[in-house]
Amino acid sequence: MSSGPAEVFRTRSTRARAAVSGLARLDQGRLRQAMGRLADDLAAGRRHERHRDLLDADALDVGYRLVAAG
């Protein structure tokens, strides 16, 4: 589980995306375009308008799991 919806936007960082194998394997040109659209949506407030229901969520399960050997 993510620590909250805002955590999802940390993947806008190139270094953070490179550490997430699913994002690292995508076509990087298309990924840059998508991140540009995300940045535009965030700056204009469109992301918040579309996903207002997520803003008050305490957690967001985006399907990532960390498996650690003890």
PDB file of N, CA and C in Angstrom:
ATOM      1  N   MET A   1       0.834  -1.178   0.000  1.00  0.00           N
ATOM      2  CA  MET A   1       0.000   0.000   0.000  1.00  0.00           C
ATOM      3  C   MET A   1       0.878   1.240   0.000  1.00  0.00           C
ATOM      4  N   SER A   2       0.433   2.209  -0.719  1.00  0.00           N
ATOM      5  CA  SER A   2       1.110   3.497  -0.740  1.00  0.00           C
ATOM      6  C   SER A   2       0.774   4.239   0.543  1.00  0.00           C
ATOM      7  N   SER A   3       1.599   5.206   0.911  1.00  0.00           N
ATOM      8  CA  SER A   3       1.321   5.962   2.123  1.00  0.00           C
ATOM      9  C   SER A   3       0.233   6.994   1.893  1.00  0.00           C
ATOM     10  N   GLY A   4      -0.208   7.179   0.676  1.00  0.00           N
ATOM     11  CA  GLY A   4      -1.288   8.107   0.366  1.00  0.00           C
ATOM     12  C   GLY A   4      -1.277   8.464  -1.100  1.00  0.00           C
ATOM     13  N   PRO A   5      -2.354   9.056  -1.589  1.00  0.00           N
ATOM     14  CA  PRO A   5      -2.442   9.390  -3.008  1.00  0.00           C
ATOM     15  C   PRO A   5      -1.308  10.269  -3.504  1.00  0.00           C
ATOM     16  N   ALA A   6      -0.818  11.171  -2.684  1.00  0.00           N
ATOM     17  CA  ALA A   6       0.265  12.055  -3.121  1.00  0.00           C
ATOM     18  C   ALA A   6       1.525  11.265  -3.430  1.00  0.00           C
ATOM     19  N   GLU A   7       1.689  10.114  -2.825  1.00  0.00           N
ATOM     20  CA  GLU A   7       2.861   9.261  -3.047  1.00  0.00           C
ATOM     21  C   GLU A   7       2.963   8.846  -4.516  1.00  0.00           C
ATOM     22  N   VAL A   8       1.834   8.665  -5.173  1.00  0.00           N
ATOM     23  CA  VAL A   8       1.825   8.237  -6.572  1.00  0.00           C
ATOM     24  C   VAL A   8       2.578   9.229  -7.445  1.00  0.00           C
ATOM     25  N   PHE A   9       2.476  10.519  -7.137  1.00  0.00           N
ATOM     26  CA  PHE A   9       3.091  11.524  -7.971  1.00  0.00           C
ATOM     27  C   PHE A   9       4.599  11.595  -7.801  1.00  0.00           C
ATOM     28  N   ARG A  10       5.156  10.912  -6.816  1.00  0.00           N
ATOM     29  CA  ARG A  10       6.618  10.882  -6.679  1.00  0.00           C
ATOM     30  C   ARG A  10       7.263  10.199  -7.868  1.00  0.00           C
ATOM     31  N   THR A  11       6.514   9.354  -8.579  1.00  0.00           N
ATOM     32  CA  THR A  11       7.076   8.670  -9.735  1.00  0.00           C
ATOM     33  C   THR A  11       7.323   9.625 -10.892  1.00  0.00           C
ATOM     34  N   ARG A  12       6.997  10.910 -10.723  1.00  0.00           N
ATOM     35  CA  ARG A  12       7.348  11.892 -11.749  1.00  0.00           C
ATOM     36  C   ARG A  12       8.856  12.076 -11.795  1.00  0.00           C
ATOM     37  N   SER A  13       9.564  11.671 -10.759  1.00  0.00           N
ATOM     38  CA  SER A  13      11.015  11.760 -10.715  1.00  0.00           C
ATOM     39  C   SER A  13      11.616  10.683 -11.624  1.00  0.00           C
ATOM     40  N   THR A  14      12.519  11.079 -12.500  1.00  0.00           N
ATOM     41  CA  THR A  14      13.166  10.133 -13.409  1.00  0.00           C
ATOM     42  C   THR A  14      13.871   9.022 -12.644  1.00  0.00           C
ATOM     43  N   ARG A  15      14.561   9.368 -11.584  1.00  0.00           N
ATOM     44  CA  ARG A  15      15.282   8.352 -10.789  1.00  0.00           C
ATOM     45  C   ARG A  15      14.309   7.386 -10.128  1.00  0.00           C
ATOM     46  N   ALA A  16      13.192   7.898  -9.628  1.00  0.00           N
ATOM     47  CA  ALA A  16      12.207   7.019  -8.993  1.00  0.00           C
ATOM     48  C   ALA A  16      11.593   6.075 -10.019  1.00  0.00           C
ATOM     49  N   ARG A  17      11.273   6.591 -11.216  1.00  0.00           N
ATOM     50  CA  ARG A  17      10.700   5.731 -12.256  1.00  0.00           C
ATOM     51  C   ARG A  17      11.670   4.645 -12.670  1.00  0.00           C
ATOM     52  N   ALA A  18      12.963   4.943 -12.729  1.00  0.00           N
ATOM     53  CA  ALA A  18      13.954   3.955 -13.137  1.00  0.00           C
ATOM     54  C   ALA A  18      14.033   2.801 -12.148  1.00  0.00           C
ATOM     55  N   ALA A  19      13.648   3.045 -10.902  1.00  0.00           N
ATOM     56  CA  ALA A  19      13.701   2.007  -9.867  1.00  0.00           C
ATOM     57  C   ALA A  19      12.444   1.144  -9.861  1.00  0.00           C
ATOM     58  N   VAL A  20      11.426   1.520 -10.615  1.00  0.00           N
ATOM     59  CA  VAL A  20      10.187   0.746 -10.686  1.00  0.00           C
ATOM     60  C   VAL A  20      10.211   0.000 -12.012  1.00  0.00           C
ATOM     61  N   SER A  21      10.419  -1.309 -11.959  1.00  0.00           N
ATOM     62  CA  SER A  21      10.669  -2.075 -13.179  1.00  0.00           C
ATOM     63  C   SER A  21       9.571  -1.935 -14.217  1.00  0.00           C
ATOM     64  N   GLY A  22       8.320  -1.874 -13.805  1.00  0.00           N
ATOM     65  CA  GLY A  22       7.232  -1.736 -14.774  1.00  0.00           C
ATOM     66  C   GLY A  22       7.334  -0.449 -15.563  1.00  0.00           C
ATOM     67  N   LEU A  23       7.742   0.638 -14.912  1.00  0.00           N
ATOM     68  CA  LEU A  23       7.895   1.919 -15.605  1.00  0.00           C
ATOM     69  C   LEU A  23       9.196   1.969 -16.388  1.00  0.00           C
ATOM     70  N   ALA A  24      10.239   1.353 -15.866  1.00  0.00           N
ATOM     71  CA  ALA A  24      11.541   1.364 -16.533  1.00  0.00           C
ATOM     72  C   ALA A  24      11.495   0.609 -17.860  1.00  0.00           C
ATOM     73  N   ARG A  25      10.596  -0.344 -17.970  1.00  0.00           N
ATOM     74  CA  ARG A  25      10.508  -1.166 -19.184  1.00  0.00           C
ATOM     75  C   ARG A  25       9.660  -0.531 -20.289  1.00  0.00           C
ATOM     76  N   LEU A  26       8.934   0.517 -19.962  1.00  0.00           N
ATOM     77  CA  LEU A  26       8.105   1.176 -20.971  1.00  0.00           C
ATOM     78  C   LEU A  26       8.962   1.964 -21.955  1.00  0.00           C
ATOM     79  N   ASP A  27       8.405   2.231 -23.136  1.00  0.00           N
ATOM     80  CA  ASP A  27       9.079   3.088 -24.103  1.00  0.00           C
ATOM     81  C   ASP A  27       9.283   4.453 -23.441  1.00  0.00           C
ATOM     82  N   GLN A  28      10.533   4.862 -23.292  1.00  0.00           N
ATOM     83  CA  GLN A  28      10.850   6.071 -22.527  1.00  0.00           C
ATOM     84  C   GLN A  28      10.351   7.351 -23.200  1.00  0.00           C
ATOM     85  N   GLY A  29      10.280   7.374 -24.513  1.00  0.00           N
ATOM     86  CA  GLY A  29       9.735   8.539 -25.210  1.00  0.00           C
ATOM     87  C   GLY A  29       8.260   8.724 -24.890  1.00  0.00           C
ATOM     88  N   ARG A  30       7.502   7.634 -24.934  1.00  0.00           N
ATOM     89  CA  ARG A  30       6.069   7.703 -24.618  1.00  0.00           C
ATOM     90  C   ARG A  30       5.867   8.027 -23.144  1.00  0.00           C
ATOM     91  N   LEU A  31       6.743   7.476 -22.306  1.00  0.00           N
ATOM     92  CA  LEU A  31       6.639   7.751 -20.874  1.00  0.00           C
ATOM     93  C   LEU A  31       6.889   9.235 -20.590  1.00  0.00           C
ATOM     94  N   ARG A  32       7.888   9.821 -21.267  1.00  0.00           N
ATOM     95  CA  ARG A  32       8.153  11.258 -21.095  1.00  0.00           C
ATOM     96  C   ARG A  32       6.945  12.089 -21.519  1.00  0.00           C
ATOM     97  N   GLN A  33       6.304  11.700 -22.625  1.00  0.00           N
ATOM     98  CA  GLN A  33       5.104  12.411 -23.073  1.00  0.00           C
ATOM     99  C   GLN A  33       3.998  12.316 -22.023  1.00  0.00           C
ATOM    100  N   ALA A  34       3.805  11.129 -21.482  1.00  0.00           N
ATOM    101  CA  ALA A  34       2.766  10.928 -20.465  1.00  0.00           C
ATOM    102  C   ALA A  34       3.072  11.730 -19.203  1.00  0.00           C
ATOM    103  N   MET A  35       4.344  11.757 -18.805  1.00  0.00           N
ATOM    104  CA  MET A  35       4.721  12.526 -17.617  1.00  0.00           C
ATOM    105  C   MET A  35       4.543  14.022 -17.861  1.00  0.00           C
ATOM    106  N   GLY A  36       4.756  14.465 -19.111  1.00  0.00           N
ATOM    107  CA  GLY A  36       4.519  15.862 -19.464  1.00  0.00           C
ATOM    108  C   GLY A  36       3.047  16.213 -19.350  1.00  0.00           C
ATOM    109  N   ARG A  37       2.184  15.303 -19.841  1.00  0.00           N
ATOM    110  CA  ARG A  37       0.736  15.534 -19.715  1.00  0.00           C
ATOM    111  C   ARG A  37       0.325  15.547 -18.251  1.00  0.00           C
ATOM    112  N   LEU A  38       0.909  14.651 -17.449  1.00  0.00           N
ATOM    113  CA  LEU A  38       0.610  14.625 -16.017  1.00  0.00           C
ATOM    114  C   LEU A  38       1.027  15.940 -15.360  1.00  0.00           C
ATOM    115  N   ALA A  39       2.217  16.414 -15.687  1.00  0.00           N
ATOM    116  CA  ALA A  39       2.701  17.678 -15.114  1.00  0.00           C
ATOM    117  C   ALA A  39       1.766  18.828 -15.489  1.00  0.00           C
ATOM    118  N   ASP A  40       1.317  18.853 -16.744  1.00  0.00           N
ATOM    119  CA  ASP A  40       0.380  19.896 -17.186  1.00  0.00           C
ATOM    120  C   ASP A  40      -0.939  19.803 -16.429  1.00  0.00           C
ATOM    121  N   ASP A  41      -1.455  18.578 -16.282  1.00  0.00           N
ATOM    122  CA  ASP A  41      -2.716  18.375 -15.560  1.00  0.00           C
ATOM    123  C   ASP A  41      -2.587  18.795 -14.095  1.00  0.00           C
ATOM    124  N   LEU A  42      -1.448  18.479 -13.483  1.00  0.00           N
ATOM    125  CA  LEU A  42      -1.239  18.859 -12.085  1.00  0.00           C
ATOM    126  C   LEU A  42      -1.147  20.380 -11.949  1.00  0.00           C
ATOM    127  N   ALA A  43      -0.418  21.014 -12.847  1.00  0.00           N
ATOM    128  CA  ALA A  43      -0.241  22.471 -12.782  1.00  0.00           C
ATOM    129  C   ALA A  43      -1.562  23.203 -12.991  1.00  0.00           C
ATOM    130  N   ALA A  44      -2.418  22.671 -13.857  1.00  0.00           N
ATOM    131  CA  ALA A  44      -3.694  23.321 -14.167  1.00  0.00           C
ATOM    132  C   ALA A  44      -4.804  22.938 -13.194  1.00  0.00           C
ATOM    133  N   GLY A  45      -4.532  21.942 -12.337  1.00  0.00           N
ATOM    134  CA  GLY A  45      -5.554  21.505 -11.383  1.00  0.00           C
ATOM    135  C   GLY A  45      -6.534  20.481 -11.938  1.00  0.00           C
ATOM    136  N   ARG A  46      -6.324  20.062 -13.191  1.00  0.00           N
ATOM    137  CA  ARG A  46      -7.246  19.091 -13.796  1.00  0.00           C
ATOM    138  C   ARG A  46      -7.192  17.740 -13.106  1.00  0.00           C
ATOM    139  N   ARG A  47      -6.007  17.335 -12.667  1.00  0.00           N
ATOM    140  CA  ARG A  47      -5.855  16.041 -11.998  1.00  0.00           C
ATOM    141  C   ARG A  47      -6.689  16.009 -10.719  1.00  0.00           C
ATOM    142  N   HIS A  48      -6.644  17.097  -9.970  1.00  0.00           N
ATOM    143  CA  HIS A  48      -7.408  17.162  -8.725  1.00  0.00           C
ATOM    144  C   HIS A  48      -8.913  17.159  -9.001  1.00  0.00           C
ATOM    145  N   GLU A  49      -9.323  17.842 -10.065  1.00  0.00           N
ATOM    146  CA  GLU A  49     -10.744  17.857 -10.417  1.00  0.00           C
ATOM    147  C   GLU A  49     -11.234  16.468 -10.790  1.00  0.00           C
ATOM    148  N   ARG A  50     -10.458  15.755 -11.616  1.00  0.00           N
ATOM    149  CA  ARG A  50     -10.855  14.427 -12.080  1.00  0.00           C
ATOM    150  C   ARG A  50     -10.833  13.378 -10.980  1.00  0.00           C
ATOM    151  N   HIS A  51      -9.916  13.531 -10.036  1.00  0.00           N
ATOM    152  CA  HIS A  51      -9.719  12.493  -9.014  1.00  0.00           C
ATOM    153  C   HIS A  51      -9.926  13.027  -7.605  1.00  0.00           C
ATOM    154  N   ARG A  52     -10.858  13.925  -7.475  1.00  0.00           N
ATOM    155  CA  ARG A  52     -11.146  14.556  -6.186  1.00  0.00           C
ATOM    156  C   ARG A  52     -11.405  13.520  -5.095  1.00  0.00           C
ATOM    157  N   ASP A  53     -12.034  12.399  -5.457  1.00  0.00           N
ATOM    158  CA  ASP A  53     -12.359  11.364  -4.476  1.00  0.00           C
ATOM    159  C   ASP A  53     -11.115  10.733  -3.849  1.00  0.00           C
ATOM    160  N   LEU A  54      -9.981  10.813  -4.520  1.00  0.00           N
ATOM    161  CA  LEU A  54      -8.750  10.230  -3.981  1.00  0.00           C
ATOM    162  C   LEU A  54      -8.033  11.146  -2.988  1.00  0.00           C
ATOM    163  N   LEU A  55      -8.342  12.424  -3.018  1.00  0.00           N
ATOM    164  CA  LEU A  55      -7.604  13.390  -2.209  1.00  0.00           C
ATOM    165  C   LEU A  55      -7.741  13.152  -0.714  1.00  0.00           C
ATOM    166  N   ASP A  56      -8.871  12.624  -0.285  1.00  0.00           N
ATOM    167  CA  ASP A  56      -9.090  12.396   1.138  1.00  0.00           C
ATOM    168  C   ASP A  56      -8.748  10.972   1.569  1.00  0.00           C
ATOM    169  N   ALA A  57      -8.299  10.148   0.644  1.00  0.00           N
ATOM    170  CA  ALA A  57      -7.980   8.751   0.972  1.00  0.00           C
ATOM    171  C   ALA A  57      -6.741   8.680   1.854  1.00  0.00           C
ATOM    172  N   ASP A  58      -6.780   7.783   2.820  1.00  0.00           N
ATOM    173  CA  ASP A  58      -5.627   7.566   3.694  1.00  0.00           C
ATOM    174  C   ASP A  58      -4.582   6.679   3.029  1.00  0.00           C
ATOM    175  N   ALA A  59      -5.020   5.823   2.104  1.00  0.00           N
ATOM    176  CA  ALA A  59      -4.108   4.894   1.446  1.00  0.00           C
ATOM    177  C   ALA A  59      -4.629   4.609   0.042  1.00  0.00           C
ATOM    178  N   LEU A  60      -3.734   4.168  -0.824  1.00  0.00           N
ATOM    179  CA  LEU A  60      -4.092   3.837  -2.193  1.00  0.00           C
ATOM    180  C   LEU A  60      -3.318   2.594  -2.588  1.00  0.00           C
ATOM    181  N   ASP A  61      -4.022   1.537  -2.904  1.00  0.00           N
ATOM    182  CA  ASP A  61      -3.381   0.305  -3.326  1.00  0.00           C
ATOM    183  C   ASP A  61      -3.227   0.355  -4.837  1.00  0.00           C
ATOM    184  N   VAL A  62      -1.982   0.533  -5.306  1.00  0.00           N
ATOM    185  CA  VAL A  62      -1.729   0.628  -6.738  1.00  0.00           C
ATOM    186  C   VAL A  62      -1.131  -0.661  -7.289  1.00  0.00           C
ATOM    187  N   GLY A  63      -1.148  -1.704  -6.482  1.00  0.00           N
ATOM    188  CA  GLY A  63      -0.732  -3.014  -6.952  1.00  0.00           C
ATOM    189  C   GLY A  63       0.735  -3.360  -6.783  1.00  0.00           C
ATOM    190  N   TYR A  64       1.544  -2.439  -6.285  1.00  0.00           N
ATOM    191  CA  TYR A  64       2.958  -2.734  -6.078  1.00  0.00           C
ATOM    192  C   TYR A  64       3.137  -3.462  -4.764  1.00  0.00           C
ATOM    193  N   ARG A  65       4.028  -4.420  -4.753  1.00  0.00           N
ATOM    194  CA  ARG A  65       4.312  -5.174  -3.541  1.00  0.00           C
ATOM    195  C   ARG A  65       5.827  -5.260  -3.335  1.00  0.00           C
ATOM    196  N   LEU A  66       6.251  -5.151  -2.116  1.00  0.00           N
ATOM    197  CA  LEU A  66       7.649  -5.301  -1.765  1.00  0.00           C
ATOM    198  C   LEU A  66       7.804  -6.641  -1.066  1.00  0.00           C
ATOM    199  N   VAL A  67       8.665  -7.469  -1.600  1.00  0.00           N
ATOM    200  CA  VAL A  67       8.927  -8.776  -1.005  1.00  0.00           C
ATOM    201  C   VAL A  67      10.361  -8.751  -0.520  1.00  0.00           C
ATOM    202  N   ALA A  68      10.551  -8.996   0.755  1.00  0.00           N
ATOM    203  CA  ALA A  68      11.894  -8.977   1.349  1.00  0.00           C
ATOM    204  C   ALA A  68      12.159 -10.298   2.048  1.00  0.00           C
ATOM    205  N   ALA A  69      13.353 -10.790   1.861  1.00  0.00           N
ATOM    206  CA  ALA A  69      13.744 -12.022   2.558  1.00  0.00           C
ATOM    207  C   ALA A  69      14.327 -11.652   3.895  1.00  0.00           C
ATOM    208  N   GLY A  70      13.990 -12.400   4.908  1.00  0.00           N
ATOM    209  CA  GLY A  70      14.444 -12.069   6.256  1.00  0.00           C
ATOM    210  C   GLY A  70      15.590 -12.810   6.655  1.00  0.00           C
TER     211      GLY A  70
END
